Every structure is written in C-alpha cells, then in structure tokens.
PDB file of N, CA and C in Angstrom:
ATOM      1  N   MET A   1     132.385-104.074 156.774  1.00  0.00           N
ATOM      2  CA  MET A   1     133.221-102.903 156.894  1.00  0.00           C
ATOM      3  C   MET A   1     132.624-101.793 156.030  1.00  0.00           C
ATOM      4  N   LYS A   2     132.438-100.613 156.602  1.00  0.00           N
ATOM      5  CA  LYS A   2     131.889 -99.457 155.893  1.00  0.00           C
ATOM      6  C   LYS A   2     132.998 -98.836 155.039  1.00  0.00           C
ATOM      7  N   VAL A   3     132.744 -98.681 153.726  1.00  0.00           N
ATOM      8  CA  VAL A   3     133.745 -98.140 152.809  1.00  0.00           C
ATOM      9  C   VAL A   3     133.116 -97.094 151.892  1.00  0.00           C
ATOM     10  N   ASP A   4     133.986 -96.275 151.310  1.00  0.00           N
ATOM     11  CA  ASP A   4     133.608 -95.334 150.258  1.00  0.00           C
ATOM     12  C   ASP A   4     134.228 -95.838 148.969  1.00  0.00           C
ATOM     13  N   CYS A   5     133.452 -95.847 147.886  1.00  0.00           N
ATOM     14  CA  CYS A   5     133.957 -96.300 146.588  1.00  0.00           C
ATOM     15  C   CYS A   5     133.759 -95.199 145.563  1.00  0.00           C
ATOM     16  N   TYR A   6     134.789 -94.999 144.734  1.00  0.00           N
ATOM     17  CA  TYR A   6     134.707 -94.012 143.662  1.00  0.00           C
ATOM     18  C   TYR A   6     135.563 -94.467 142.504  1.00  0.00           C
ATOM     19  N   TYR A   7     135.247 -93.996 141.304  1.00  0.00           N
ATOM     20  CA  TYR A   7     136.027 -94.359 140.119  1.00  0.00           C
ATOM     21  C   TYR A   7     137.295 -93.518 140.099  1.00  0.00           C
ATOM     22  N   ASN A   8     138.436 -94.194 140.005  1.00  0.00           N
ATOM     23  CA  ASN A   8     139.728 -93.536 139.973  1.00  0.00           C
ATOM     24  C   ASN A   8     140.089 -93.248 138.513  1.00  0.00           C
ATOM     25  N   LEU A   9     140.095 -91.974 138.148  1.00  0.00           N
ATOM     26  CA  LEU A   9     140.350 -91.577 136.759  1.00  0.00           C
ATOM     27  C   LEU A   9     141.774 -91.872 136.305  1.00  0.00           C
ATOM     28  N   HIS A  10     142.708 -91.924 137.216  1.00  0.00           N
ATOM     29  CA  HIS A  10     144.114 -92.154 136.858  1.00  0.00           C
ATOM     30  C   HIS A  10     144.431 -93.640 136.697  1.00  0.00           C
ATOM     31  N   LYS A  11     143.858 -94.480 137.563  1.00  0.00           N
ATOM     32  CA  LYS A  11     144.134 -95.917 137.527  1.00  0.00           C
ATOM     33  C   LYS A  11     143.085 -96.703 136.731  1.00  0.00           C
ATOM     34  N   HIS A  12     141.999 -96.035 136.330  1.00  0.00           N
ATOM     35  CA  HIS A  12     140.911 -96.651 135.561  1.00  0.00           C
ATOM     36  C   HIS A  12     140.340 -97.872 136.278  1.00  0.00           C
ATOM     37  N   CYS A  13     140.049 -97.689 137.564  1.00  0.00           N
ATOM     38  CA  CYS A  13     139.443 -98.747 138.365  1.00  0.00           C
ATOM     39  C   CYS A  13     138.684 -98.087 139.515  1.00  0.00           C
ATOM     40  N   ILE A  14     138.129 -98.891 140.397  1.00  0.00           N
ATOM     41  CA  ILE A  14     137.396 -98.378 141.546  1.00  0.00           C
ATOM     42  C   ILE A  14     138.330 -98.358 142.752  1.00  0.00           C
ATOM     43  N   SER A  15     138.436 -97.227 143.398  1.00  0.00           N
ATOM     44  CA  SER A  15     139.196 -97.129 144.640  1.00  0.00           C
ATOM     45  C   SER A  15     138.250 -97.391 145.804  1.00  0.00           C
ATOM     46  N   ILE A  16     138.700 -98.206 146.755  1.00  0.00           N
ATOM     47  CA  ILE A  16     137.921 -98.541 147.942  1.00  0.00           C
ATOM     48  C   ILE A  16     138.629 -97.913 149.135  1.00  0.00           C
ATOM     49  N   ARG A  17     137.915 -96.989 149.803  1.00  0.00           N
ATOM     50  CA  ARG A  17     138.499 -96.213 150.890  1.00  0.00           C
ATOM     51  C   ARG A  17     137.811 -96.566 152.206  1.00  0.00           C
ATOM     52  N   HIS A  18     138.625 -96.779 153.253  1.00  0.00           N
ATOM     53  CA  HIS A  18     138.112 -97.069 154.595  1.00  0.00           C
ATOM     54  C   HIS A  18     138.790 -96.133 155.577  1.00  0.00           C
ATOM     55  N   LYS A  19     137.993 -95.370 156.328  1.00  0.00           N
ATOM     56  CA  LYS A  19     138.505 -94.399 157.295  1.00  0.00           C
ATOM     57  C   LYS A  19     139.539 -93.459 156.673  1.00  0.00           C
ATOM     58  N   GLY A  20     139.250 -93.004 155.442  1.00  0.00           N
ATOM     59  CA  GLY A  20     140.090 -92.012 154.789  1.00  0.00           C
ATOM     60  C   GLY A  20     141.275 -92.551 154.026  1.00  0.00           C
ATOM     61  N   LEU A  21     141.560 -93.858 154.116  1.00  0.00           N
ATOM     62  CA  LEU A  21     142.697 -94.445 153.423  1.00  0.00           C
ATOM     63  C   LEU A  21     142.230 -95.430 152.366  1.00  0.00           C
ATOM     64  N   VAL A  22     142.830 -95.370 151.177  1.00  0.00           N
ATOM     65  CA  VAL A  22     142.505 -96.329 150.128  1.00  0.00           C
ATOM     66  C   VAL A  22     143.104 -97.673 150.530  1.00  0.00           C
ATOM     67  N   ILE A  23     142.237 -98.682 150.652  1.00  0.00           N
ATOM     68  CA  ILE A  23     142.696 -99.995 151.094  1.00  0.00           C
ATOM     69  C   ILE A  23     142.779-100.998 149.953  1.00  0.00           C
ATOM     70  N   ALA A  24     142.126-100.704 148.820  1.00  0.00           N
ATOM     71  CA  ALA A  24     142.150-101.634 147.687  1.00  0.00           C
ATOM     72  C   ALA A  24     141.690-100.937 146.422  1.00  0.00           C
ATOM     73  N   HIS A  25     142.014-101.566 145.303  1.00  0.00           N
ATOM     74  CA  HIS A  25     141.493-101.165 144.002  1.00  0.00           C
ATOM     75  C   HIS A  25     140.826-102.390 143.397  1.00  0.00           C
ATOM     76  N   ALA A  26     139.730-102.174 142.683  1.00  0.00           N
ATOM     77  CA  ALA A  26     138.993-103.292 142.103  1.00  0.00           C
ATOM     78  C   ALA A  26     138.335-102.846 140.805  1.00  0.00           C
ATOM     79  N   HIS A  27     137.826-103.819 140.066  1.00  0.00           N
ATOM     80  CA  HIS A  27     137.079-103.505 138.849  1.00  0.00           C
ATOM     81  C   HIS A  27     135.583-103.708 139.035  1.00  0.00           C
ATOM     82  N   SER A  28     135.211-104.443 140.107  1.00  0.00           N
ATOM     83  CA  SER A  28     133.794-104.550 140.451  1.00  0.00           C
ATOM     84  C   SER A  28     133.659-104.651 141.967  1.00  0.00           C
ATOM     85  N   VAL A  29     132.562-104.069 142.478  1.00  0.00           N
ATOM     86  CA  VAL A  29     132.328-103.997 143.921  1.00  0.00           C
ATOM     87  C   VAL A  29     130.835-104.208 144.170  1.00  0.00           C
ATOM     88  N   GLU A  30     130.526-104.876 145.279  1.00  0.00           N
ATOM     89  CA  GLU A  30     129.132-105.026 145.723  1.00  0.00           C
ATOM     90  C   GLU A  30     129.043-104.443 147.130  1.00  0.00           C
ATOM     91  N   LEU A  31     128.039-103.573 147.358  1.00  0.00           N
ATOM     92  CA  LEU A  31     127.840-102.917 148.650  1.00  0.00           C
ATOM     93  C   LEU A  31     126.397-103.088 149.117  1.00  0.00           C
ATOM     94  N   ASN A  32     126.199-103.137 150.435  1.00  0.00           N
ATOM     95  CA  ASN A  32     124.868-103.152 151.041  1.00  0.00           C
ATOM     96  C   ASN A  32     124.654-101.874 151.835  1.00  0.00           C
ATOM     97  N   ASP A  33     123.378-101.528 152.098  1.00  0.00           N
ATOM     98  CA  ASP A  33     123.007-100.350 152.901  1.00  0.00           C
ATOM     99  C   ASP A  33     123.755 -99.106 152.437  1.00  0.00           C
ATOM    100  N   VAL A  34     123.474 -98.691 151.241  1.00  0.00           N
ATOM    101  CA  VAL A  34     124.267 -97.684 150.530  1.00  0.00           C
ATOM    102  C   VAL A  34     123.694 -96.280 150.659  1.00  0.00           C
ATOM    103  N   LYS A  35     124.594 -95.326 150.740  1.00  0.00           N
ATOM    104  CA  LYS A  35     124.273 -93.902 150.647  1.00  0.00           C
ATOM    105  C   LYS A  35     125.127 -93.316 149.528  1.00  0.00           C
ATOM    106  N   PHE A  36     124.517 -92.431 148.731  1.00  0.00           N
ATOM    107  CA  PHE A  36     125.237 -91.728 147.674  1.00  0.00           C
ATOM    108  C   PHE A  36     125.618 -90.361 148.227  1.00  0.00           C
ATOM    109  N   VAL A  37     126.903 -90.061 148.274  1.00  0.00           N
ATOM    110  CA  VAL A  37     127.413 -88.875 148.950  1.00  0.00           C
ATOM    111  C   VAL A  37     128.068 -87.930 147.939  1.00  0.00           C
ATOM    112  N   VAL A  38     127.684 -86.653 148.007  1.00  0.00           N
ATOM    113  CA  VAL A  38     128.319 -85.607 147.199  1.00  0.00           C
ATOM    114  C   VAL A  38     128.677 -84.451 148.126  1.00  0.00           C
ATOM    115  N   SER A  39     129.952 -84.097 148.173  1.00  0.00           N
ATOM    116  CA  SER A  39     130.386 -82.927 148.931  1.00  0.00           C
ATOM    117  C   SER A  39     130.102 -81.698 148.076  1.00  0.00           C
ATOM    118  N   GLN A  40     129.224 -80.827 148.558  1.00  0.00           N
ATOM    119  CA  GLN A  40     128.872 -79.637 147.777  1.00  0.00           C
ATOM    120  C   GLN A  40     130.054 -78.674 147.667  1.00  0.00           C
ATOM    121  N   ALA A  41     130.917 -78.626 148.681  1.00  0.00           N
ATOM    122  CA  ALA A  41     132.112 -77.780 148.606  1.00  0.00           C
ATOM    123  C   ALA A  41     133.061 -78.309 147.525  1.00  0.00           C
ATOM    124  N   GLY A  42     133.213 -79.626 147.459  1.00  0.00           N
ATOM    125  CA  GLY A  42     134.056 -80.229 146.427  1.00  0.00           C
ATOM    126  C   GLY A  42     133.479 -80.004 145.037  1.00  0.00           C
ATOM    127  N   ARG A  43     132.155 -80.115 144.916  1.00  0.00           N
ATOM    128  CA  ARG A  43     131.506 -79.860 143.621  1.00  0.00           C
ATOM    129  C   ARG A  43     131.700 -78.409 143.200  1.00  0.00           C
ATOM    130  N   ALA A  44     131.585 -77.477 144.150  1.00  0.00           N
ATOM    131  CA  ALA A  44     131.789 -76.055 143.841  1.00  0.00           C
ATOM    132  C   ALA A  44     133.217 -75.812 143.343  1.00  0.00           C
ATOM    133  N   ARG A  45     134.169 -76.518 143.936  1.00  0.00           N
ATOM    134  CA  ARG A  45     135.569 -76.392 143.503  1.00  0.00           C
ATOM    135  C   ARG A  45     135.740 -76.903 142.067  1.00  0.00           C
ATOM    136  N   VAL A  46     135.056 -78.015 141.736  1.00  0.00           N
ATOM    137  CA  VAL A  46     135.095 -78.540 140.367  1.00  0.00           C
ATOM    138  C   VAL A  46     134.530 -77.517 139.395  1.00  0.00           C
ATOM    139  N   LEU A  47     133.397 -76.929 139.735  1.00  0.00           N
ATOM    140  CA  LEU A  47     132.764 -75.952 138.854  1.00  0.00           C
ATOM    141  C   LEU A  47     133.634 -74.710 138.682  1.00  0.00           C
ATOM    142  N   LYS A  48     134.296 -74.304 139.738  1.00  0.00           N
ATOM    143  CA  LYS A  48     135.145 -73.112 139.680  1.00  0.00           C
ATOM    144  C   LYS A  48     136.428 -73.367 138.896  1.00  0.00           C
ATOM    145  N   GLU A  49     137.102 -74.496 139.189  1.00  0.00           N
ATOM    146  CA  GLU A  49     138.397 -74.784 138.584  1.00  0.00           C
ATOM    147  C   GLU A  49     138.297 -75.536 137.258  1.00  0.00           C
ATOM    148  N   LYS A  50     137.113 -76.074 136.952  1.00  0.00           N
ATOM    149  CA  LYS A  50     136.909 -76.902 135.752  1.00  0.00           C
ATOM    150  C   LYS A  50     137.886 -78.079 135.742  1.00  0.00           C
ATOM    151  N   ARG A  51     138.099 -78.645 136.929  1.00  0.00           N
ATOM    152  CA  ARG A  51     139.039 -79.756 137.097  1.00  0.00           C
ATOM    153  C   ARG A  51     138.443 -80.713 138.131  1.00  0.00           C
ATOM    154  N   LYS A  52     138.368 -81.987 137.785  1.00  0.00           N
ATOM    155  CA  LYS A  52     137.733 -82.964 138.665  1.00  0.00           C
ATOM    156  C   LYS A  52     138.580 -83.255 139.900  1.00  0.00           C
ATOM    157  N   ASN A  53     137.880 -83.572 141.008  1.00  0.00           N
ATOM    158  CA  ASN A  53     138.505 -84.019 142.247  1.00  0.00           C
ATOM    159  C   ASN A  53     137.554 -85.023 142.900  1.00  0.00           C
ATOM    160  N   VAL A  54     138.050 -85.775 143.861  1.00  0.00           N
ATOM    161  CA  VAL A  54     137.201 -86.776 144.527  1.00  0.00           C
ATOM    162  C   VAL A  54     136.290 -86.066 145.516  1.00  0.00           C
ATOM    163  N   HIS A  55     135.040 -85.907 145.137  1.00  0.00           N
ATOM    164  CA  HIS A  55     134.066 -85.252 146.005  1.00  0.00           C
ATOM    165  C   HIS A  55     132.732 -85.992 146.034  1.00  0.00           C
ATOM    166  N   ALA A  56     132.623 -87.071 145.259  1.00  0.00           N
ATOM    167  CA  ALA A  56     131.387 -87.855 145.209  1.00  0.00           C
ATOM    168  C   ALA A  56     131.759 -89.333 145.263  1.00  0.00           C
ATOM    169  N   PHE A  57     131.007 -90.072 146.069  1.00  0.00           N
ATOM    170  CA  PHE A  57     131.328 -91.489 146.202  1.00  0.00           C
ATOM    171  C   PHE A  57     130.103 -92.246 146.690  1.00  0.00           C
ATOM    172  N   VAL A  58     130.207 -93.571 146.641  1.00  0.00           N
ATOM    173  CA  VAL A  58     129.161 -94.461 147.107  1.00  0.00           C
ATOM    174  C   VAL A  58     129.659 -95.062 148.422  1.00  0.00           C
ATOM    175  N   ARG A  59     128.874 -94.904 149.486  1.00  0.00           N
ATOM    176  CA  ARG A  59     129.275 -95.379 150.822  1.00  0.00           C
ATOM    177  C   ARG A  59     128.360 -96.525 151.241  1.00  0.00           C
ATOM    178  N   GLY A  60     128.963 -97.634 151.686  1.00  0.00           N
ATOM    179  CA  GLY A  60     128.158 -98.759 152.147  1.00  0.00           C
ATOM    180  C   GLY A  60     128.998 -99.861 152.746  1.00  0.00           C
ATOM    181  N   GLU A  61     128.314-100.934 153.150  1.00  0.00           N
ATOM    182  CA  GLU A  61     128.983-102.107 153.717  1.00  0.00           C
ATOM    183  C   GLU A  61     129.541-102.951 152.575  1.00  0.00           C
ATOM    184  N   LEU A  62     130.843-103.191 152.610  1.00  0.00           N
ATOM    185  CA  LEU A  62     131.500-103.967 151.557  1.00  0.00           C
ATOM    186  C   LEU A  62     131.089-105.427 151.655  1.00  0.00           C
ATOM    187  N   VAL A  63     130.535-105.964 150.566  1.00  0.00           N
ATOM    188  CA  VAL A  63     130.156-107.369 150.493  1.00  0.00           C
ATOM    189  C   VAL A  63     131.271-108.144 149.805  1.00  0.00           C
ATOM    190  N   ARG A  64     131.692-107.641 148.641  1.00  0.00           N
ATOM    191  CA  ARG A  64     132.780-108.277 147.901  1.00  0.00           C
ATOM    192  C   ARG A  64     133.376-107.281 146.916  1.00  0.00           C
ATOM    193  N   HIS A  65     134.579-107.582 146.478  1.00  0.00           N
ATOM    194  CA  HIS A  65     135.198-106.826 145.387  1.00  0.00           C
ATOM    195  C   HIS A  65     136.015-107.790 144.560  1.00  0.00           C
ATOM    196  N   SER A  66     136.223-107.445 143.299  1.00  0.00           N
ATOM    197  CA  SER A  66     136.886-108.355 142.377  1.00  0.00           C
ATOM    198  C   SER A  66     137.796-107.594 141.425  1.00  0.00           C
ATOM    199  N   GLU A  67     138.805-108.278 140.952  1.00  0.00           N
ATOM    200  CA  GLU A  67     139.740-107.697 139.989  1.00  0.00           C
ATOM    201  C   GLU A  67     139.198-107.754 138.559  1.00  0.00           C
ATOM    202  N   THR A  68     138.084-108.446 138.355  1.00  0.00           N
ATOM    203  CA  THR A  68     137.499-108.542 137.024  1.00  0.00           C
ATOM    204  C   THR A  68     136.219-107.713 136.960  1.00  0.00           C
ATOM    205  N   THR A  69     135.877-107.263 135.772  1.00  0.00           N
ATOM    206  CA  THR A  69     134.660-106.493 135.560  1.00  0.00           C
ATOM    207  C   THR A  69     133.471-107.438 135.562  1.00  0.00           C
ATOM    208  N   ASP A  70     132.417-107.059 136.256  1.00  0.00           N
ATOM    209  CA  ASP A  70     131.195-107.863 136.335  1.00  0.00           C
ATOM    210  C   ASP A  70     130.396-107.651 135.056  1.00  0.00           C
ATOM    211  N   SER A  71     130.290-108.691 134.245  1.00  0.00           N
ATOM    212  CA  SER A  71     129.630-108.565 132.939  1.00  0.00           C
ATOM    213  C   SER A  71     128.128-108.326 133.057  1.00  0.00           C
ATOM    214  N   GLU A  72     127.529-108.619 134.227  1.00  0.00           N
ATOM    215  CA  GLU A  72     126.090-108.417 134.394  1.00  0.00           C
ATOM    216  C   GLU A  72     125.724-106.950 134.582  1.00  0.00           C
ATOM    217  N   VAL A  73     126.683-106.124 135.003  1.00  0.00           N
ATOM    218  CA  VAL A  73     126.422-104.695 135.197  1.00  0.00           C
ATOM    219  C   VAL A  73     126.927-103.966 133.958  1.00  0.00           C
ATOM    220  N   ARG A  74     126.121-103.973 132.922  1.00  0.00           N
ATOM    221  CA  ARG A  74     126.534-103.334 131.671  1.00  0.00           C
ATOM    222  C   ARG A  74     126.194-101.850 131.675  1.00  0.00           C
ATOM    223  N   GLU A  75     124.926-101.574 131.907  1.00  0.00           N
ATOM    224  CA  GLU A  75     124.454-100.190 131.911  1.00  0.00           C
ATOM    225  C   GLU A  75     123.900 -99.885 133.290  1.00  0.00           C
ATOM    226  N   GLY A  76     124.576 -99.042 134.011  1.00  0.00           N
ATOM    227  CA  GLY A  76     124.113 -98.696 135.352  1.00  0.00           C
ATOM    228  C   GLY A  76     122.842 -97.874 135.309  1.00  0.00           C
ATOM    229  N   ASN A  77     122.113 -97.876 136.397  1.00  0.00           N
ATOM    230  CA  ASN A  77     120.880 -97.091 136.455  1.00  0.00           C
ATOM    231  C   ASN A  77     121.042 -95.828 137.304  1.00  0.00           C
ATOM    232  N   VAL A  78     122.285 -95.548 137.748  1.00  0.00           N
ATOM    233  CA  VAL A  78     122.581 -94.358 138.538  1.00  0.00           C
ATOM    234  C   VAL A  78     123.780 -93.649 137.904  1.00  0.00           C
ATOM    235  N   THR A  79     123.741 -92.315 137.900  1.00  0.00           N
ATOM    236  CA  THR A  79     124.849 -91.551 137.340  1.00  0.00           C
ATOM    237  C   THR A  79     125.086 -90.286 138.160  1.00  0.00           C
ATOM    238  N   TYR A  80     126.245 -89.690 137.941  1.00  0.00           N
ATOM    239  CA  TYR A  80     126.560 -88.402 138.561  1.00  0.00           C
ATOM    240  C   TYR A  80     127.485 -87.632 137.634  1.00  0.00           C
ATOM    241  N   ASN A  81     127.153 -86.384 137.402  1.00  0.00           N
ATOM    242  CA  ASN A  81     127.987 -85.481 136.613  1.00  0.00           C
ATOM    243  C   ASN A  81     127.947 -84.135 137.322  1.00  0.00           C
ATOM    244  N   PRO A  82     129.091 -83.673 137.863  1.00  0.00           N
ATOM    245  CA  PRO A  82     129.074 -82.438 138.644  1.00  0.00           C
ATOM    246  C   PRO A  82     128.669 -81.208 137.839  1.00  0.00           C
ATOM    247  N   TYR A  83     128.809 -81.268 136.523  1.00  0.00           N
ATOM    248  CA  TYR A  83     128.441 -80.126 135.680  1.00  0.00           C
ATOM    249  C   TYR A  83     126.938 -80.080 135.392  1.00  0.00           C
ATOM    250  N   LYS A  84     126.232 -81.210 135.602  1.00  0.00           N
ATOM    251  CA  LYS A  84     124.797 -81.267 135.327  1.00  0.00           C
ATOM    252  C   LYS A  84     123.937 -81.403 136.582  1.00  0.00           C
ATOM    253  N   TYR A  85     124.432 -82.132 137.600  1.00  0.00           N
ATOM    254  CA  TYR A  85     123.614 -82.465 138.765  1.00  0.00           C
ATOM    255  C   TYR A  85     124.342 -82.124 140.056  1.00  0.00           C
ATOM    256  N   ASP A  86     123.570 -81.857 141.114  1.00  0.00           N
ATOM    257  CA  ASP A  86     124.184 -81.610 142.426  1.00  0.00           C
ATOM    258  C   ASP A  86     124.118 -82.843 143.318  1.00  0.00           C
ATOM    259  N   SER A  87     123.624 -83.970 142.769  1.00  0.00           N
ATOM    260  CA  SER A  87     123.566 -85.229 143.505  1.00  0.00           C
ATOM    261  C   SER A  87     123.600 -86.370 142.490  1.00  0.00           C
ATOM    262  N   PHE A  88     123.679 -87.596 143.005  1.00  0.00           N
ATOM    263  CA  PHE A  88     123.531 -88.754 142.134  1.00  0.00           C
ATOM    264  C   PHE A  88     122.076 -88.777 141.672  1.00  0.00           C
ATOM    265  N   VAL A  89     121.840 -89.235 140.426  1.00  0.00           N
ATOM    266  CA  VAL A  89     120.484 -89.290 139.872  1.00  0.00           C
ATOM    267  C   VAL A  89     120.244 -90.625 139.175  1.00  0.00           C
ATOM    268  N   ARG A  90     118.959 -90.977 139.076  1.00  0.00           N
ATOM    269  CA  ARG A  90     118.571 -92.162 138.305  1.00  0.00           C
ATOM    270  C   ARG A  90     118.671 -91.803 136.829  1.00  0.00           C
ATOM    271  N   ARG A  91     119.238 -92.692 136.049  1.00  0.00           N
ATOM    272  CA  ARG A  91     119.379 -92.427 134.605  1.00  0.00           C
ATOM    273  C   ARG A  91     118.026 -92.275 133.913  1.00  0.00           C
ATOM    274  N   ALA A  92     117.057 -93.068 134.320  1.00  0.00           N
ATOM    275  CA  ALA A  92     115.767 -93.110 133.620  1.00  0.00           C
ATOM    276  C   ALA A  92     115.031 -91.781 133.643  1.00  0.00           C
ATOM    277  N   ASP A  93     114.915 -91.159 134.820  1.00  0.00           N
ATOM    278  CA  ASP A  93     114.111 -89.944 134.916  1.00  0.00           C
ATOM    279  C   ASP A  93     114.851 -88.752 135.532  1.00  0.00           C
ATOM    280  N   LYS A  94     116.146 -88.928 135.782  1.00  0.00           N
ATOM    281  CA  LYS A  94     116.999 -87.854 136.346  1.00  0.00           C
ATOM    282  C   LYS A  94     116.553 -87.407 137.737  1.00  0.00           C
ATOM    283  N   SER A  95     115.817 -88.270 138.464  1.00  0.00           N
ATOM    284  CA  SER A  95     115.411 -87.929 139.824  1.00  0.00           C
ATOM    285  C   SER A  95     116.544 -88.248 140.800  1.00  0.00           C
ATOM    286  N   ARG A  96     116.598 -87.484 141.863  1.00  0.00           N
ATOM    287  CA  ARG A  96     117.648 -87.630 142.882  1.00  0.00           C
ATOM    288  C   ARG A  96     117.552 -89.003 143.556  1.00  0.00           C
ATOM    289  N   ILE A  97     118.700 -89.615 143.825  1.00  0.00           N
ATOM    290  CA  ILE A  97     118.753 -90.854 144.588  1.00  0.00           C
ATOM    291  C   ILE A  97     119.768 -90.661 145.713  1.00  0.00           C
ATOM    292  N   THR A  98     119.350 -90.962 146.938  1.00  0.00           N
ATOM    293  CA  THR A  98     120.230 -90.748 148.090  1.00  0.00           C
ATOM    294  C   THR A  98     120.716 -92.052 148.707  1.00  0.00           C
ATOM    295  N   GLY A  99     120.035 -93.168 148.419  1.00  0.00           N
ATOM    296  CA  GLY A  99     120.445 -94.432 149.001  1.00  0.00           C
ATOM    297  C   GLY A  99     119.806 -95.609 148.303  1.00  0.00           C
ATOM    298  N   ALA A 100     120.286 -96.806 148.651  1.00  0.00           N
ATOM    299  CA  ALA A 100     119.754 -98.043 148.080  1.00  0.00           C
ATOM    300  C   ALA A 100     120.086 -99.194 149.020  1.00  0.00           C
ATOM    301  N   GLN A 101     119.340-100.280 148.889  1.00  0.00           N
ATOM    302  CA  GLN A 101     119.616-101.468 149.698  1.00  0.00           C
ATOM    303  C   GLN A 101     120.925-102.114 149.271  1.00  0.00           C
ATOM    304  N   LYS A 102     121.140-102.188 147.961  1.00  0.00           N
ATOM    305  CA  LYS A 102     122.314-102.867 147.419  1.00  0.00           C
ATOM    306  C   LYS A 102     122.776-102.115 146.172  1.00  0.00           C
ATOM    307  N   VAL A 103     124.087-102.063 145.981  1.00  0.00           N
ATOM    308  CA  VAL A 103     124.653-101.429 144.785  1.00  0.00           C
ATOM    309  C   VAL A 103     125.739-102.327 144.216  1.00  0.00           C
ATOM    310  N   TYR A 104     125.709-102.469 142.894  1.00  0.00           N
ATOM    311  CA  TYR A 104     126.763-103.164 142.162  1.00  0.00           C
ATOM    312  C   TYR A 104     127.499-102.117 141.343  1.00  0.00           C
ATOM    313  N   ILE A 105     128.812-102.077 141.457  1.00  0.00           N
ATOM    314  CA  ILE A 105     129.625-101.156 140.668  1.00  0.00           C
ATOM    315  C   ILE A 105     130.564-101.996 139.828  1.00  0.00           C
ATOM    316  N   SER A 106     130.595-101.717 138.550  1.00  0.00           N
ATOM    317  CA  SER A 106     131.513-102.409 137.652  1.00  0.00           C
ATOM    318  C   SER A 106     132.072-101.384 136.694  1.00  0.00           C
ATOM    319  N   GLY A 107     133.377-101.129 136.796  1.00  0.00           N
ATOM    320  CA  GLY A 107     133.970-100.070 135.994  1.00  0.00           C
ATOM    321  C   GLY A 107     133.328 -98.753 136.381  1.00  0.00           C
ATOM    322  N   ARG A 108     132.776 -98.056 135.391  1.00  0.00           N
ATOM    323  CA  ARG A 108     132.132 -96.766 135.661  1.00  0.00           C
ATOM    324  C   ARG A 108     130.618 -96.892 135.807  1.00  0.00           C
ATOM    325  N   SER A 109     130.085 -98.107 135.745  1.00  0.00           N
ATOM    326  CA  SER A 109     128.643 -98.338 135.847  1.00  0.00           C
ATOM    327  C   SER A 109     128.240 -98.586 137.297  1.00  0.00           C
ATOM    328  N   VAL A 110     127.168 -97.909 137.720  1.00  0.00           N
ATOM    329  CA  VAL A 110     126.625 -98.065 139.075  1.00  0.00           C
ATOM    330  C   VAL A 110     125.173 -98.518 138.936  1.00  0.00           C
ATOM    331  N   CYS A 111     124.872 -99.681 139.514  1.00  0.00           N
ATOM    332  CA  CYS A 111     123.515-100.221 139.441  1.00  0.00           C
ATOM    333  C   CYS A 111     122.965-100.367 140.855  1.00  0.00           C
ATOM    334  N   ALA A 112     121.907 -99.618 141.157  1.00  0.00           N
ATOM    335  CA  ALA A 112     121.298 -99.633 142.488  1.00  0.00           C
ATOM    336  C   ALA A 112     120.059-100.511 142.506  1.00  0.00           C
ATOM    337  N   VAL A 113     119.919-101.292 143.589  1.00  0.00           N
ATOM    338  CA  VAL A 113     118.718-102.088 143.824  1.00  0.00           C
ATOM    339  C   VAL A 113     118.028-101.461 145.023  1.00  0.00           C
ATOM    340  N   GLU A 114     116.876-100.828 144.776  1.00  0.00           N
ATOM    341  CA  GLU A 114     116.174-100.083 145.835  1.00  0.00           C
ATOM    342  C   GLU A 114     115.166-100.934 146.561  1.00  0.00           C
TER     343      GLU A 114
END
C-alpha cells in the first residue's frame, strides 16, 4: 500500500496517510520504493507565516510499522528543514535526495538505503 509518512508535532509520533486520510500512528516505519516529497507552496507558506504545516513527507510502499521506536535507527542520514533547504538532504554533505530503495523512520530520524 502506497502511503505518506510525516512526523506529527502534536502527537509526537509518525502519522501514516493513505489517499489523504491518516490511517495509523506509529513510532517506527519501514518503506520501500521511496520518494521524498516537498510541496513548494506549503514551504512558502511556512516561510511567510513562520508556522509549520504538513508540506513535506516520505512516500513509499508500507512494509511495516510499529508502536515502539526502532533502536537501530539512532541517527538518520536524511533531514529536512524548511528554513534551510527546499528539499530533503543528506546529513553528511547536504546534497539533495529525491528517493531511495528503502527508508527506516524511527521517531524523528529518517535513514535511507540507496
């Protein structure tokens, strides 16, 4: 099932969205065939209003999700900050990343396997 995943700032977990509706909340998620999506209109709204909104997410085929945090994903290798970047970037060299074969998300950490 193709889903969008994003960190929910209010519930402090990952929201899993399918066809526009949140279908689950989890603390760790595994996805295959991933695309990193940023709505530029949503990012512009964040920059203008200085208030976060859901405009960036990880889209892929849901493999599994869990109510517990995955201890193996400590430090993610992918990050996104709307005030610094216009896309998701690799932590190591700040280069743009648009997709990955597999992604592990645990809490706020995103680890991509390219």
